[in-house]
All heavy atoms as atom14 arrays in JSON, in Angstrom:
{
  "sequence": "HEKLLAAGADKPAFVFPHALCDELWEASGGWPGILDRIALLALAKA",
  "atom14_mask": [
    [1, 1, 1, 1, 1, 1, 1, 1, 1, 1, 0, 0, 0, 0],
    [1, 1, 1, 1, 1, 1, 1, 1, 1, 0, 0, 0, 0, 0],
    [1, 1, 1, 1, 1, 1, 1, 1, 1, 0, 0, 0, 0, 0],
    [1, 1, 1, 1, 1, 1, 1, 1, 0, 0, 0, 0, 0, 0],
    [1, 1, 1, 1, 1, 1, 1, 1, 0, 0, 0, 0, 0, 0],
    [1, 1, 1, 1, 1, 0, 0, 0, 0, 0, 0, 0, 0, 0],
    [1, 1, 1, 1, 1, 0, 0, 0, 0, 0, 0, 0, 0, 0],
    [1, 1, 1, 1, 0, 0, 0, 0, 0, 0, 0, 0, 0, 0],
    [1, 1, 1, 1, 1, 0, 0, 0, 0, 0, 0, 0, 0, 0],
    [1, 1, 1, 1, 1, 1, 1, 1, 0, 0, 0, 0, 0, 0],
    [1, 1, 1, 1, 1, 1, 1, 1, 1, 0, 0, 0, 0, 0],
    [1, 1, 1, 1, 1, 1, 1, 0, 0, 0, 0, 0, 0, 0],
    [1, 1, 1, 1, 1, 0, 0, 0, 0, 0, 0, 0, 0, 0],
    [1, 1, 1, 1, 1, 1, 1, 1, 1, 1, 1, 0, 0, 0],
    [1, 1, 1, 1, 1, 1, 1, 0, 0, 0, 0, 0, 0, 0],
    [1, 1, 1, 1, 1, 1, 1, 1, 1, 1, 1, 0, 0, 0],
    [1, 1, 1, 1, 1, 1, 1, 0, 0, 0, 0, 0, 0, 0],
    [1, 1, 1, 1, 1, 1, 1, 1, 1, 1, 0, 0, 0, 0],
    [1, 1, 1, 1, 1, 0, 0, 0, 0, 0, 0, 0, 0, 0],
    [1, 1, 1, 1, 1, 1, 1, 1, 0, 0, 0, 0, 0, 0],
    [1, 1, 1, 1, 1, 1, 0, 0, 0, 0, 0, 0, 0, 0],
    [1, 1, 1, 1, 1, 1, 1, 1, 0, 0, 0, 0, 0, 0],
    [1, 1, 1, 1, 1, 1, 1, 1, 1, 0, 0, 0, 0, 0],
    [1, 1, 1, 1, 1, 1, 1, 1, 0, 0, 0, 0, 0, 0],
    [1, 1, 1, 1, 1, 1, 1, 1, 1, 1, 1, 1, 1, 1],
    [1, 1, 1, 1, 1, 1, 1, 1, 1, 0, 0, 0, 0, 0],
    [1, 1, 1, 1, 1, 0, 0, 0, 0, 0, 0, 0, 0, 0],
    [1, 1, 1, 1, 1, 1, 0, 0, 0, 0, 0, 0, 0, 0],
    [1, 1, 1, 1, 0, 0, 0, 0, 0, 0, 0, 0, 0, 0],
    [1, 1, 1, 1, 0, 0, 0, 0, 0, 0, 0, 0, 0, 0],
    [1, 1, 1, 1, 1, 1, 1, 1, 1, 1, 1, 1, 1, 1],
    [1, 1, 1, 1, 1, 1, 1, 0, 0, 0, 0, 0, 0, 0],
    [1, 1, 1, 1, 0, 0, 0, 0, 0, 0, 0, 0, 0, 0],
    [1, 1, 1, 1, 1, 1, 1, 1, 0, 0, 0, 0, 0, 0],
    [1, 1, 1, 1, 1, 1, 1, 1, 0, 0, 0, 0, 0, 0],
    [1, 1, 1, 1, 1, 1, 1, 1, 0, 0, 0, 0, 0, 0],
    [1, 1, 1, 1, 1, 1, 1, 1, 1, 1, 1, 0, 0, 0],
    [1, 1, 1, 1, 1, 1, 1, 1, 0, 0, 0, 0, 0, 0],
    [1, 1, 1, 1, 1, 0, 0, 0, 0, 0, 0, 0, 0, 0],
    [1, 1, 1, 1, 1, 1, 1, 1, 0, 0, 0, 0, 0, 0],
    [1, 1, 1, 1, 1, 1, 1, 1, 0, 0, 0, 0, 0, 0],
    [1, 1, 1, 1, 1, 0, 0, 0, 0, 0, 0, 0, 0, 0],
    [1, 1, 1, 1, 1, 1, 1, 1, 0, 0, 0, 0, 0, 0],
    [1, 1, 1, 1, 1, 0, 0, 0, 0, 0, 0, 0, 0, 0],
    [1, 1, 1, 1, 1, 1, 1, 1, 1, 0, 0, 0, 0, 0],
    [1, 1, 1, 1, 1, 0, 0, 0, 0, 0, 0, 0, 0, 0]
  ],
  "atom14_positions": [
    [[94.19, 98.16, 110.75], [92.95, 98.72, 110.21], [92.9, 100.23, 110.33], [92.4, 100.92, 109.43], [91.75, 98.06, 110.89], [91.54, 96.64, 110.45], [90.68, 95.78, 111.11], [92.08, 95.92, 109.43], [90.69, 94.59, 110.49], [91.54, 94.66, 109.48], [0.0, 0.0, 0.0], [0.0, 0.0, 0.0], [0.0, 0.0, 0.0], [0.0, 0.0, 0.0]],
    [[93.4, 100.78, 111.45], [93.4, 102.25, 111.59], [94.33, 102.89, 110.57], [94.05, 103.97, 110.04], [93.8, 102.64, 113.01], [92.69, 102.38, 114.03], [92.97, 103.05, 115.38], [93.43, 104.21, 115.36], [92.75, 102.4, 116.41], [0.0, 0.0, 0.0], [0.0, 0.0, 0.0], [0.0, 0.0, 0.0], [0.0, 0.0, 0.0], [0.0, 0.0, 0.0]],
    [[95.43, 102.24, 110.26], [96.34, 102.79, 109.26], [95.71, 102.73, 107.87], [95.88, 103.65, 107.05], [97.67, 102.03, 109.27], [98.52, 102.33, 110.51], [99.99, 102.25, 110.21], [100.82, 102.96, 111.26], [102.22, 103.09, 110.88], [0.0, 0.0, 0.0], [0.0, 0.0, 0.0], [0.0, 0.0, 0.0], [0.0, 0.0, 0.0], [0.0, 0.0, 0.0]],
    [[94.99, 101.67, 107.59], [94.3, 101.57, 106.31], [93.21, 102.64, 106.19], [93.03, 103.25, 105.13], [93.69, 100.17, 106.14], [94.7, 99.03, 105.9], [94.01, 97.68, 106.02], [95.35, 99.18, 104.52], [0.0, 0.0, 0.0], [0.0, 0.0, 0.0], [0.0, 0.0, 0.0], [0.0, 0.0, 0.0], [0.0, 0.0, 0.0], [0.0, 0.0, 0.0]],
    [[92.46, 102.87, 107.27], [91.45, 103.92, 107.26], [92.07, 105.29, 106.99], [91.54, 106.09, 106.2], [90.7, 103.95, 108.6], [89.65, 102.86, 108.83], [89.18, 102.88, 110.28], [88.45, 103.06, 107.89], [0.0, 0.0, 0.0], [0.0, 0.0, 0.0], [0.0, 0.0, 0.0], [0.0, 0.0, 0.0], [0.0, 0.0, 0.0], [0.0, 0.0, 0.0]],
    [[93.21, 105.57, 107.61], [93.89, 106.85, 107.41], [94.37, 107.02, 105.98], [94.48, 108.15, 105.48], [95.06, 106.97, 108.37], [0.0, 0.0, 0.0], [0.0, 0.0, 0.0], [0.0, 0.0, 0.0], [0.0, 0.0, 0.0], [0.0, 0.0, 0.0], [0.0, 0.0, 0.0], [0.0, 0.0, 0.0], [0.0, 0.0, 0.0], [0.0, 0.0, 0.0]],
    [[94.62, 105.91, 105.3], [95.1, 105.95, 103.91], [93.96, 105.96, 102.9], [94.21, 105.96, 101.7], [96.02, 104.77, 103.65], [0.0, 0.0, 0.0], [0.0, 0.0, 0.0], [0.0, 0.0, 0.0], [0.0, 0.0, 0.0], [0.0, 0.0, 0.0], [0.0, 0.0, 0.0], [0.0, 0.0, 0.0], [0.0, 0.0, 0.0], [0.0, 0.0, 0.0]],
    [[92.71, 105.92, 103.37], [91.57, 106.05, 102.47], [90.75, 104.8, 102.24], [89.8, 104.82, 101.44], [0.0, 0.0, 0.0], [0.0, 0.0, 0.0], [0.0, 0.0, 0.0], [0.0, 0.0, 0.0], [0.0, 0.0, 0.0], [0.0, 0.0, 0.0], [0.0, 0.0, 0.0], [0.0, 0.0, 0.0], [0.0, 0.0, 0.0], [0.0, 0.0, 0.0]],
    [[91.07, 103.7, 102.93], [90.32, 102.46, 102.72], [88.93, 102.57, 103.34], [88.79, 102.97, 104.5], [91.08, 101.28, 103.34], [0.0, 0.0, 0.0], [0.0, 0.0, 0.0], [0.0, 0.0, 0.0], [0.0, 0.0, 0.0], [0.0, 0.0, 0.0], [0.0, 0.0, 0.0], [0.0, 0.0, 0.0], [0.0, 0.0, 0.0], [0.0, 0.0, 0.0]],
    [[87.88, 102.22, 102.55], [86.51, 102.23, 103.08], [86.25, 101.01, 103.95], [85.54, 101.08, 104.95], [85.5, 102.27, 101.93], [85.54, 103.59, 101.18], [85.87, 104.61, 101.82], [85.27, 103.59, 99.97], [0.0, 0.0, 0.0], [0.0, 0.0, 0.0], [0.0, 0.0, 0.0], [0.0, 0.0, 0.0], [0.0, 0.0, 0.0], [0.0, 0.0, 0.0]],
    [[86.83, 99.87, 103.53], [86.6, 98.62, 104.25], [87.95, 97.96, 104.52], [88.38, 97.05, 103.8], [85.71, 97.69, 103.44], [84.31, 98.25, 103.19], [83.49, 97.29, 102.36], [82.07, 97.84, 102.13], [81.24, 96.92, 101.3], [0.0, 0.0, 0.0], [0.0, 0.0, 0.0], [0.0, 0.0, 0.0], [0.0, 0.0, 0.0], [0.0, 0.0, 0.0]],
    [[88.64, 98.42, 105.56], [89.99, 97.88, 105.83], [89.98, 96.38, 106.09], [90.95, 95.69, 105.77], [90.44, 98.66, 107.07], [89.2, 99.24, 107.66], [88.27, 99.47, 106.52], [0.0, 0.0, 0.0], [0.0, 0.0, 0.0], [0.0, 0.0, 0.0], [0.0, 0.0, 0.0], [0.0, 0.0, 0.0], [0.0, 0.0, 0.0], [0.0, 0.0, 0.0]],
    [[88.9, 95.84, 106.66], [88.85, 94.41, 106.94], [88.75, 93.59, 105.67], [89.01, 92.37, 105.7], [87.69, 94.09, 107.87], [0.0, 0.0, 0.0], [0.0, 0.0, 0.0], [0.0, 0.0, 0.0], [0.0, 0.0, 0.0], [0.0, 0.0, 0.0], [0.0, 0.0, 0.0], [0.0, 0.0, 0.0], [0.0, 0.0, 0.0], [0.0, 0.0, 0.0]],
    [[88.38, 94.24, 104.56], [88.37, 93.52, 103.29], [89.78, 93.46, 102.7], [90.17, 92.45, 102.11], [87.43, 94.2, 102.29], [87.45, 93.56, 100.93], [86.92, 92.3, 100.73], [88.03, 94.23, 99.84], [86.95, 91.7, 99.47], [88.07, 93.64, 98.6], [87.53, 92.37, 98.4], [0.0, 0.0, 0.0], [0.0, 0.0, 0.0], [0.0, 0.0, 0.0]],
    [[90.55, 94.55, 102.88], [91.92, 94.57, 102.36], [92.81, 93.62, 103.17], [93.52, 92.79, 102.62], [92.5, 96.0, 102.4], [93.91, 96.03, 101.81], [91.59, 96.97, 101.65], [0.0, 0.0, 0.0], [0.0, 0.0, 0.0], [0.0, 0.0, 0.0], [0.0, 0.0, 0.0], [0.0, 0.0, 0.0], [0.0, 0.0, 0.0], [0.0, 0.0, 0.0]],
    [[92.77, 93.76, 104.47], [93.51, 92.88, 105.38], [92.5, 92.23, 106.33], [92.18, 92.79, 107.38], [94.55, 93.67, 106.18], [95.82, 94.0, 105.43], [95.88, 95.1, 104.6], [96.94, 93.2, 105.56], [97.04, 95.42, 103.92], [98.11, 93.51, 104.89], [98.15, 94.62, 104.06], [0.0, 0.0, 0.0], [0.0, 0.0, 0.0], [0.0, 0.0, 0.0]],
    [[92.0, 91.06, 106.0], [91.02, 90.38, 106.87], [91.61, 90.1, 108.26], [92.83, 90.12, 108.45], [90.74, 89.06, 106.12], [91.1, 89.35, 104.7], [92.25, 90.3, 104.76], [0.0, 0.0, 0.0], [0.0, 0.0, 0.0], [0.0, 0.0, 0.0], [0.0, 0.0, 0.0], [0.0, 0.0, 0.0], [0.0, 0.0, 0.0], [0.0, 0.0, 0.0]],
    [[90.74, 89.85, 109.21], [91.18, 89.61, 110.58], [92.2, 88.48, 110.67], [93.2, 88.58, 111.4], [89.99, 89.3, 111.47], [89.14, 90.51, 111.73], [88.01, 90.46, 112.53], [89.23, 91.79, 111.32], [87.46, 91.66, 112.59], [88.19, 92.48, 111.86], [0.0, 0.0, 0.0], [0.0, 0.0, 0.0], [0.0, 0.0, 0.0], [0.0, 0.0, 0.0]],
    [[91.98, 87.4, 109.93], [92.91, 86.27, 109.98], [94.28, 86.67, 109.43], [95.33, 86.23, 109.94], [92.35, 85.09, 109.19], [0.0, 0.0, 0.0], [0.0, 0.0, 0.0], [0.0, 0.0, 0.0], [0.0, 0.0, 0.0], [0.0, 0.0, 0.0], [0.0, 0.0, 0.0], [0.0, 0.0, 0.0], [0.0, 0.0, 0.0], [0.0, 0.0, 0.0]],
    [[94.25, 87.53, 108.41], [95.51, 87.99, 107.83], [96.24, 88.91, 108.82], [97.46, 88.85, 108.96], [95.23, 88.72, 106.52], [96.39, 88.96, 105.53], [97.27, 90.09, 105.93], [97.19, 87.68, 105.28], [0.0, 0.0, 0.0], [0.0, 0.0, 0.0], [0.0, 0.0, 0.0], [0.0, 0.0, 0.0], [0.0, 0.0, 0.0], [0.0, 0.0, 0.0]],
    [[95.47, 89.74, 109.53], [96.08, 90.58, 110.57], [96.74, 89.74, 111.65], [97.8, 90.11, 112.18], [95.02, 91.49, 111.19], [94.42, 92.8, 110.09], [0.0, 0.0, 0.0], [0.0, 0.0, 0.0], [0.0, 0.0, 0.0], [0.0, 0.0, 0.0], [0.0, 0.0, 0.0], [0.0, 0.0, 0.0], [0.0, 0.0, 0.0], [0.0, 0.0, 0.0]],
    [[96.11, 88.61, 111.99], [96.7, 87.73, 112.98], [98.03, 87.17, 112.49], [98.98, 87.01, 113.27], [95.74, 86.57, 113.3], [94.5, 87.05, 114.04], [94.5, 88.2, 114.53], [93.53, 86.27, 114.13], [0.0, 0.0, 0.0], [0.0, 0.0, 0.0], [0.0, 0.0, 0.0], [0.0, 0.0, 0.0], [0.0, 0.0, 0.0], [0.0, 0.0, 0.0]],
    [[98.1, 86.89, 111.18], [99.37, 86.41, 110.62], [100.43, 87.51, 110.65], [101.61, 87.25, 110.91], [99.16, 85.91, 109.19], [98.5, 84.55, 109.11], [98.89, 83.8, 107.83], [100.09, 83.79, 107.5], [97.99, 83.25, 107.19], [0.0, 0.0, 0.0], [0.0, 0.0, 0.0], [0.0, 0.0, 0.0], [0.0, 0.0, 0.0], [0.0, 0.0, 0.0]],
    [[100.02, 88.75, 110.36], [100.96, 89.87, 110.43], [101.5, 90.04, 111.85], [102.68, 90.32, 112.05], [100.28, 91.17, 109.97], [99.92, 91.27, 108.49], [99.13, 92.55, 108.24], [101.17, 91.25, 107.62], [0.0, 0.0, 0.0], [0.0, 0.0, 0.0], [0.0, 0.0, 0.0], [0.0, 0.0, 0.0], [0.0, 0.0, 0.0], [0.0, 0.0, 0.0]],
    [[100.61, 89.87, 112.81], [101.02, 89.98, 114.21], [102.05, 88.9, 114.55], [103.08, 89.17, 115.17], [99.8, 89.85, 115.12], [100.14, 89.69, 116.57], [100.56, 90.67, 117.42], [100.1, 88.48, 117.32], [100.79, 90.14, 118.67], [100.51, 88.8, 118.64], [99.75, 87.16, 117.02], [100.58, 87.85, 119.65], [99.83, 86.21, 118.03], [100.24, 86.56, 119.32]],
    [[101.77, 87.68, 114.14], [102.68, 86.58, 114.43], [104.02, 86.77, 113.73], [105.09, 86.55, 114.31], [102.05, 85.25, 114.01], [102.9, 84.04, 114.37], [102.21, 82.73, 114.0], [101.01, 82.76, 113.63], [102.87, 81.68, 114.06], [0.0, 0.0, 0.0], [0.0, 0.0, 0.0], [0.0, 0.0, 0.0], [0.0, 0.0, 0.0], [0.0, 0.0, 0.0]],
    [[103.97, 87.2, 112.46], [105.2, 87.36, 111.69], [106.07, 88.51, 112.21], [107.3, 88.46, 112.12], [104.86, 87.62, 110.22], [0.0, 0.0, 0.0], [0.0, 0.0, 0.0], [0.0, 0.0, 0.0], [0.0, 0.0, 0.0], [0.0, 0.0, 0.0], [0.0, 0.0, 0.0], [0.0, 0.0, 0.0], [0.0, 0.0, 0.0], [0.0, 0.0, 0.0]],
    [[105.44, 89.55, 112.77], [106.17, 90.72, 113.23], [106.54, 90.65, 114.7], [107.3, 91.5, 115.19], [105.33, 91.98, 113.01], [104.16, 91.95, 113.85], [0.0, 0.0, 0.0], [0.0, 0.0, 0.0], [0.0, 0.0, 0.0], [0.0, 0.0, 0.0], [0.0, 0.0, 0.0], [0.0, 0.0, 0.0], [0.0, 0.0, 0.0], [0.0, 0.0, 0.0]],
    [[105.98, 89.67, 115.4], [106.21, 89.6, 116.84], [105.49, 90.71, 117.6], [105.74, 90.91, 118.77], [0.0, 0.0, 0.0], [0.0, 0.0, 0.0], [0.0, 0.0, 0.0], [0.0, 0.0, 0.0], [0.0, 0.0, 0.0], [0.0, 0.0, 0.0], [0.0, 0.0, 0.0], [0.0, 0.0, 0.0], [0.0, 0.0, 0.0], [0.0, 0.0, 0.0]],
    [[104.62, 91.43, 116.9], [103.9, 92.54, 117.52], [104.66, 93.85, 117.52], [104.16, 94.85, 118.05], [0.0, 0.0, 0.0], [0.0, 0.0, 0.0], [0.0, 0.0, 0.0], [0.0, 0.0, 0.0], [0.0, 0.0, 0.0], [0.0, 0.0, 0.0], [0.0, 0.0, 0.0], [0.0, 0.0, 0.0], [0.0, 0.0, 0.0], [0.0, 0.0, 0.0]],
    [[105.85, 93.9, 116.92], [106.62, 95.14, 116.86], [106.11, 95.99, 115.7], [106.09, 95.56, 114.56], [108.1, 94.86, 116.68], [108.72, 94.1, 117.82], [109.26, 92.86, 117.77], [108.86, 94.55, 119.17], [109.73, 92.48, 119.0], [109.5, 93.51, 119.88], [108.51, 95.72, 119.84], [109.79, 93.6, 121.24], [108.81, 95.81, 121.19], [109.44, 94.77, 121.88]],
    [[105.69, 97.23, 115.96], [105.01, 98.02, 114.94], [105.85, 98.31, 113.7], [105.34, 98.26, 112.57], [104.64, 99.32, 115.67], [105.47, 99.35, 116.89], [105.73, 97.94, 117.26], [0.0, 0.0, 0.0], [0.0, 0.0, 0.0], [0.0, 0.0, 0.0], [0.0, 0.0, 0.0], [0.0, 0.0, 0.0], [0.0, 0.0, 0.0], [0.0, 0.0, 0.0]],
    [[107.14, 98.62, 113.87], [107.97, 98.91, 112.71], [108.15, 97.71, 111.81], [108.19, 97.84, 110.58], [0.0, 0.0, 0.0], [0.0, 0.0, 0.0], [0.0, 0.0, 0.0], [0.0, 0.0, 0.0], [0.0, 0.0, 0.0], [0.0, 0.0, 0.0], [0.0, 0.0, 0.0], [0.0, 0.0, 0.0], [0.0, 0.0, 0.0], [0.0, 0.0, 0.0]],
    [[108.26, 96.52, 112.4], [108.4, 95.31, 111.6], [107.07, 95.0, 110.91], [107.04, 94.62, 109.73], [108.85, 94.13, 112.48], [110.21, 94.45, 113.11], [108.91, 92.84, 111.68], [110.71, 93.41, 114.08], [0.0, 0.0, 0.0], [0.0, 0.0, 0.0], [0.0, 0.0, 0.0], [0.0, 0.0, 0.0], [0.0, 0.0, 0.0], [0.0, 0.0, 0.0]],
    [[105.97, 95.18, 111.65], [104.65, 94.94, 111.05], [104.43, 95.85, 109.84], [103.91, 95.42, 108.81], [103.55, 95.15, 112.1], [102.15, 94.68, 111.71], [101.35, 94.29, 112.94], [101.39, 95.74, 110.93], [0.0, 0.0, 0.0], [0.0, 0.0, 0.0], [0.0, 0.0, 0.0], [0.0, 0.0, 0.0], [0.0, 0.0, 0.0], [0.0, 0.0, 0.0]],
    [[104.82, 97.12, 109.94], [104.7, 98.05, 108.82], [105.4, 97.51, 107.58], [104.85, 97.54, 106.47], [105.29, 99.42, 109.17], [104.38, 100.25, 110.06], [103.16, 99.95, 110.11], [104.87, 101.18, 110.7], [0.0, 0.0, 0.0], [0.0, 0.0, 0.0], [0.0, 0.0, 0.0], [0.0, 0.0, 0.0], [0.0, 0.0, 0.0], [0.0, 0.0, 0.0]],
    [[106.59, 97.02, 107.74], [107.37, 96.54, 106.59], [106.78, 95.28, 106.0], [106.75, 95.1, 104.78], [108.83, 96.33, 107.02], [109.59, 97.64, 107.14], [110.82, 97.54, 108.02], [111.61, 98.78, 107.96], [111.26, 99.91, 108.56], [110.15, 99.97, 109.26], [112.02, 100.99, 108.45], [0.0, 0.0, 0.0], [0.0, 0.0, 0.0], [0.0, 0.0, 0.0]],
    [[106.32, 94.38, 106.84], [105.72, 93.14, 106.34], [104.42, 93.46, 105.6], [104.14, 92.91, 104.52], [105.46, 92.16, 107.5], [106.79, 91.74, 108.15], [104.72, 90.93, 107.0], [106.61, 90.91, 109.4], [0.0, 0.0, 0.0], [0.0, 0.0, 0.0], [0.0, 0.0, 0.0], [0.0, 0.0, 0.0], [0.0, 0.0, 0.0], [0.0, 0.0, 0.0]],
    [[103.6, 94.35, 106.17], [102.33, 94.71, 105.54], [102.56, 95.44, 104.22], [101.86, 95.2, 103.23], [101.51, 95.58, 106.49], [0.0, 0.0, 0.0], [0.0, 0.0, 0.0], [0.0, 0.0, 0.0], [0.0, 0.0, 0.0], [0.0, 0.0, 0.0], [0.0, 0.0, 0.0], [0.0, 0.0, 0.0], [0.0, 0.0, 0.0], [0.0, 0.0, 0.0]],
    [[103.55, 96.34, 104.18], [103.86, 97.06, 102.94], [104.28, 96.07, 101.86], [103.85, 96.19, 100.69], [104.98, 98.07, 103.23], [105.41, 99.0, 102.1], [105.93, 100.31, 102.67], [106.49, 98.39, 101.21], [0.0, 0.0, 0.0], [0.0, 0.0, 0.0], [0.0, 0.0, 0.0], [0.0, 0.0, 0.0], [0.0, 0.0, 0.0], [0.0, 0.0, 0.0]],
    [[105.13, 95.12, 102.2], [105.59, 94.13, 101.22], [104.45, 93.24, 100.75], [104.33, 92.93, 99.55], [106.71, 93.29, 101.85], [107.39, 92.28, 100.93], [108.02, 92.97, 99.73], [108.45, 91.49, 101.71], [0.0, 0.0, 0.0], [0.0, 0.0, 0.0], [0.0, 0.0, 0.0], [0.0, 0.0, 0.0], [0.0, 0.0, 0.0], [0.0, 0.0, 0.0]],
    [[103.59, 92.83, 101.68], [102.44, 91.99, 101.29], [101.52, 92.73, 100.34], [101.02, 92.16, 99.36], [101.68, 91.55, 102.54], [0.0, 0.0, 0.0], [0.0, 0.0, 0.0], [0.0, 0.0, 0.0], [0.0, 0.0, 0.0], [0.0, 0.0, 0.0], [0.0, 0.0, 0.0], [0.0, 0.0, 0.0], [0.0, 0.0, 0.0], [0.0, 0.0, 0.0]],
    [[101.3, 94.02, 100.6], [100.44, 94.83, 99.74], [101.07, 94.98, 98.35], [100.37, 94.93, 97.33], [100.23, 96.21, 100.39], [99.21, 97.15, 99.76], [97.81, 96.51, 99.76], [99.17, 98.47, 100.53], [0.0, 0.0, 0.0], [0.0, 0.0, 0.0], [0.0, 0.0, 0.0], [0.0, 0.0, 0.0], [0.0, 0.0, 0.0], [0.0, 0.0, 0.0]],
    [[102.39, 95.15, 98.29], [103.07, 95.31, 97.01], [103.06, 94.01, 96.2], [102.99, 94.04, 94.95], [104.5, 95.76, 97.25], [0.0, 0.0, 0.0], [0.0, 0.0, 0.0], [0.0, 0.0, 0.0], [0.0, 0.0, 0.0], [0.0, 0.0, 0.0], [0.0, 0.0, 0.0], [0.0, 0.0, 0.0], [0.0, 0.0, 0.0], [0.0, 0.0, 0.0]],
    [[103.12, 92.87, 96.86], [103.18, 91.58, 96.16], [101.81, 91.11, 95.67], [101.73, 90.3, 94.74], [103.77, 90.52, 97.1], [105.26, 90.72, 97.38], [105.74, 89.85, 98.53], [105.52, 88.38, 98.26], [106.05, 87.53, 99.37], [0.0, 0.0, 0.0], [0.0, 0.0, 0.0], [0.0, 0.0, 0.0], [0.0, 0.0, 0.0], [0.0, 0.0, 0.0]],
    [[100.74, 91.62, 96.3], [99.4, 91.12, 95.98], [98.96, 91.58, 94.59], [99.3, 92.67, 94.15], [98.4, 91.58, 97.03], [0.0, 0.0, 0.0], [0.0, 0.0, 0.0], [0.0, 0.0, 0.0], [0.0, 0.0, 0.0], [0.0, 0.0, 0.0], [0.0, 0.0, 0.0], [0.0, 0.0, 0.0], [0.0, 0.0, 0.0], [0.0, 0.0, 0.0]]
  ]
}
């Protein structure tokens, strides 16, 4: 959410809801660099 805010999102929880963030956490294992790549790909595919 902080990264989305820095990129200009008014409502980051609408772009990536809390449940979706939990999935990103699980998919990345909590590693920030992996999470960045998964989130970038998810945003591009949507």
